Amino acid sequence: PITPLSPWMASPNGTGNCRASIALETSMSYSIIDEVMACLQLLMNSKYGIQAVMMFPDAVRHMTLALDVSSYNIRQKVLVLLAVLAVYSDTGHGVVVDSLEYLKVIRYEKNRF
């Protein structure tokens, strides 16, 4: 993934193909995703925060896309947030099911699970 910080991580020879740069970019991306999930977790600690998140199904879809990262910590946070939304109300359950359907389509899979 390309981040706004990518130009700062160019290799010493200027080609941008340094493996260390790619590893740094990936770890920075994971760090950013982890911080976003932590912020969403704090937001969803109240019923008003949960309702606000449910008002933006696209945000839940994008959050669900984080299940594709290799970091177990990030996956666990995403699953906890999805579980909170699903248990909160029927609307939340619908949003979660819709986001899992979206993930299925993005992955070109036959089934959700």
C-alpha atoms as a PDB file:
ATOM      1  CA  PRO A   1       0.000   0.000   0.000  1.00  0.00           C
ATOM      2  CA  ILE A   2       1.135   3.503  -0.796  1.00  0.00           C
ATOM      3  CA  THR A   3       1.153   5.926   2.085  1.00  0.00           C
ATOM      4  CA  PRO A   4       1.785   9.683   2.092  1.00  0.00           C
ATOM      5  CA  LEU A   5       5.152   8.962   3.725  1.00  0.00           C
ATOM      6  CA  SER A   6       6.376   6.810   0.820  1.00  0.00           C
ATOM      7  CA  PRO A   7       8.564   9.509  -0.809  1.00  0.00           C
ATOM      8  CA  TRP A   8      10.543   9.802   2.439  1.00  0.00           C
ATOM      9  CA  MET A   9      11.353   6.096   2.350  1.00  0.00           C
ATOM     10  CA  ALA A  10      13.157   5.972  -0.979  1.00  0.00           C
ATOM     11  CA  SER A  11      16.245   3.817  -1.157  1.00  0.00           C
ATOM     12  CA  PRO A  12      19.703   5.431  -1.023  1.00  0.00           C
ATOM     13  CA  ASN A  13      20.170   4.997  -4.782  1.00  0.00           C
ATOM     14  CA  GLY A  14      16.916   6.823  -5.502  1.00  0.00           C
ATOM     15  CA  THR A  15      15.110   3.899  -7.169  1.00  0.00           C
ATOM     16  CA  GLY A  16      12.705   3.262  -4.295  1.00  0.00           C
ATOM     17  CA  ASN A  17      13.245  -0.491  -4.575  1.00  0.00           C
ATOM     18  CA  CYS A  18      15.057  -1.016  -1.296  1.00  0.00           C
ATOM     19  CA  ARG A  19      13.641  -3.989   0.636  1.00  0.00           C
ATOM     20  CA  ALA A  20      14.157  -2.127   3.895  1.00  0.00           C
ATOM     21  CA  SER A  21      11.949   0.674   2.552  1.00  0.00           C
ATOM     22  CA  ILE A  22       9.201  -1.789   1.702  1.00  0.00           C
ATOM     23  CA  ALA A  23       9.440  -3.449   5.119  1.00  0.00           C
ATOM     24  CA  LEU A  24       9.342  -0.067   6.840  1.00  0.00           C
ATOM     25  CA  GLU A  25       6.350   1.017   4.780  1.00  0.00           C
ATOM     26  CA  THR A  26       4.489  -2.168   5.661  1.00  0.00           C
ATOM     27  CA  SER A  27       5.228  -1.856   9.354  1.00  0.00           C
ATOM     28  CA  MET A  28       4.199   1.811   9.259  1.00  0.00           C
ATOM     29  CA  SER A  29       0.976   0.882   7.470  1.00  0.00           C
ATOM     30  CA  TYR A  30       0.229  -1.739  10.121  1.00  0.00           C
ATOM     31  CA  SER A  31       0.968   0.811  12.807  1.00  0.00           C
ATOM     32  CA  ILE A  32      -1.456   3.276  11.238  1.00  0.00           C
ATOM     33  CA  ILE A  33      -4.169   0.621  10.869  1.00  0.00           C
ATOM     34  CA  ASP A  34      -3.608  -0.421  14.475  1.00  0.00           C
ATOM     35  CA  GLU A  35      -4.000   3.190  15.644  1.00  0.00           C
ATOM     36  CA  VAL A  36      -7.195   3.631  13.614  1.00  0.00           C
ATOM     37  CA  MET A  37      -8.655   0.473  15.159  1.00  0.00           C
ATOM     38  CA  ALA A  38      -7.701   1.717  18.638  1.00  0.00           C
ATOM     39  CA  CYS A  39      -9.461   5.031  17.920  1.00  0.00           C
ATOM     40  CA  LEU A  40     -12.577   3.239  16.707  1.00  0.00           C
ATOM     41  CA  GLN A  41     -12.511   1.075  19.821  1.00  0.00           C
ATOM     42  CA  LEU A  42     -12.432   4.192  22.001  1.00  0.00           C
ATOM     43  CA  LEU A  43     -15.222   5.770  19.972  1.00  0.00           C
ATOM     44  CA  MET A  44     -17.373   2.666  20.290  1.00  0.00           C
ATOM     45  CA  ASN A  45     -17.135   2.587  24.080  1.00  0.00           C
ATOM     46  CA  SER A  46     -20.418   4.500  24.222  1.00  0.00           C
ATOM     47  CA  LYS A  47     -23.781   3.896  22.594  1.00  0.00           C
ATOM     48  CA  TYR A  48     -23.486   7.214  20.755  1.00  0.00           C
ATOM     49  CA  GLY A  49     -20.174   6.148  19.260  1.00  0.00           C
ATOM     50  CA  ILE A  50     -21.598   2.807  18.151  1.00  0.00           C
ATOM     51  CA  GLN A  51     -24.580   4.565  16.578  1.00  0.00           C
ATOM     52  CA  ALA A  52     -22.235   6.987  14.814  1.00  0.00           C
ATOM     53  CA  VAL A  53     -20.190   4.141  13.346  1.00  0.00           C
ATOM     54  CA  MET A  54     -23.358   2.341  12.196  1.00  0.00           C
ATOM     55  CA  MET A  55     -24.393   5.481  10.307  1.00  0.00           C
ATOM     56  CA  PHE A  56     -21.419   4.959   7.974  1.00  0.00           C
ATOM     57  CA  PRO A  57     -21.620   1.430   6.520  1.00  0.00           C
ATOM     58  CA  ASP A  58     -18.733   2.220   4.170  1.00  0.00           C
ATOM     59  CA  ALA A  59     -16.501   2.825   7.188  1.00  0.00           C
ATOM     60  CA  VAL A  60     -17.419  -0.612   8.536  1.00  0.00           C
ATOM     61  CA  ARG A  61     -16.688  -2.102   5.108  1.00  0.00           C
ATOM     62  CA  HIS A  62     -13.245  -0.525   5.091  1.00  0.00           C
ATOM     63  CA  MET A  63     -12.659  -1.693   8.639  1.00  0.00           C
ATOM     64  CA  THR A  64     -13.556  -5.225   7.542  1.00  0.00           C
ATOM     65  CA  LEU A  65     -10.934  -5.050   4.793  1.00  0.00           C
ATOM     66  CA  ALA A  66      -8.325  -4.925   7.563  1.00  0.00           C
ATOM     67  CA  LEU A  67      -9.027  -8.634   8.115  1.00  0.00           C
ATOM     68  CA  ASP A  68      -6.700  -9.244   5.150  1.00  0.00           C
ATOM     69  CA  VAL A  69      -3.588  -8.000   6.946  1.00  0.00           C
ATOM     70  CA  SER A  70      -1.183 -10.518   8.424  1.00  0.00           C
ATOM     71  CA  SER A  71      -1.103  -8.925  11.883  1.00  0.00           C
ATOM     72  CA  TYR A  72      -3.118 -11.016  14.338  1.00  0.00           C
ATOM     73  CA  ASN A  73      -3.405  -8.038  16.694  1.00  0.00           C
ATOM     74  CA  ILE A  74      -5.163  -5.960  14.029  1.00  0.00           C
ATOM     75  CA  ARG A  75      -7.426  -8.848  13.020  1.00  0.00           C
ATOM     76  CA  GLN A  76      -8.412  -9.385  16.638  1.00  0.00           C
ATOM     77  CA  LYS A  77      -9.323  -5.703  17.073  1.00  0.00           C
ATOM     78  CA  VAL A  78     -11.403  -5.741  13.890  1.00  0.00           C
ATOM     79  CA  LEU A  79     -13.264  -8.867  14.965  1.00  0.00           C
ATOM     80  CA  VAL A  80     -13.989  -7.412  18.410  1.00  0.00           C
ATOM     81  CA  LEU A  81     -15.352  -4.213  16.848  1.00  0.00           C
ATOM     82  CA  LEU A  82     -17.483  -6.177  14.388  1.00  0.00           C
ATOM     83  CA  ALA A  83     -18.807  -8.326  17.238  1.00  0.00           C
ATOM     84  CA  VAL A  84     -19.767  -5.218  19.220  1.00  0.00           C
ATOM     85  CA  LEU A  85     -21.668  -3.829  16.236  1.00  0.00           C
ATOM     86  CA  ALA A  86     -23.393  -7.143  15.534  1.00  0.00           C
ATOM     87  CA  VAL A  87     -24.555  -7.609  19.126  1.00  0.00           C
ATOM     88  CA  TYR A  88     -25.618  -3.992  19.657  1.00  0.00           C
ATOM     89  CA  SER A  89     -28.698  -4.016  17.418  1.00  0.00           C
ATOM     90  CA  ASP A  90     -30.330  -5.573  14.378  1.00  0.00           C
ATOM     91  CA  THR A  91     -29.096  -2.632  12.329  1.00  0.00           C
ATOM     92  CA  GLY A  92     -25.543  -3.250  13.516  1.00  0.00           C
ATOM     93  CA  HIS A  93     -25.880  -6.933  12.685  1.00  0.00           C
ATOM     94  CA  GLY A  94     -27.034  -6.007   9.183  1.00  0.00           C
ATOM     95  CA  VAL A  95     -24.097  -3.639   8.723  1.00  0.00           C
ATOM     96  CA  VAL A  96     -21.651  -6.348   9.780  1.00  0.00           C
ATOM     97  CA  VAL A  97     -23.208  -8.972   7.503  1.00  0.00           C
ATOM     98  CA  ASP A  98     -23.124  -6.474   4.626  1.00  0.00           C
ATOM     99  CA  SER A  99     -19.454  -5.718   5.259  1.00  0.00           C
ATOM    100  CA  LEU A 100     -18.610  -9.439   5.320  1.00  0.00           C
ATOM    101  CA  GLU A 101     -20.471  -9.857   2.021  1.00  0.00           C
ATOM    102  CA  TYR A 102     -18.404  -6.977   0.652  1.00  0.00           C
ATOM    103  CA  LEU A 103     -15.209  -8.711   1.801  1.00  0.00           C
ATOM    104  CA  LYS A 104     -16.366 -11.905   0.083  1.00  0.00           C
ATOM    105  CA  VAL A 105     -16.850 -10.028  -3.192  1.00  0.00           C
ATOM    106  CA  ILE A 106     -13.485  -8.271  -2.907  1.00  0.00           C
ATOM    107  CA  ARG A 107     -11.730 -11.607  -2.298  1.00  0.00           C
ATOM    108  CA  TYR A 108     -13.619 -13.327  -5.178  1.00  0.00           C
ATOM    109  CA  GLU A 109     -14.849 -16.053  -2.821  1.00  0.00           C
ATOM    110  CA  LYS A 110     -17.987 -18.170  -3.084  1.00  0.00           C
ATOM    111  CA  ASN A 111     -18.855 -18.098   0.626  1.00  0.00           C
ATOM    112  CA  ARG A 112     -18.367 -15.622   3.433  1.00  0.00           C
ATOM    113  CA  PHE A 113     -16.548 -18.075   5.650  1.00  0.00           C
END
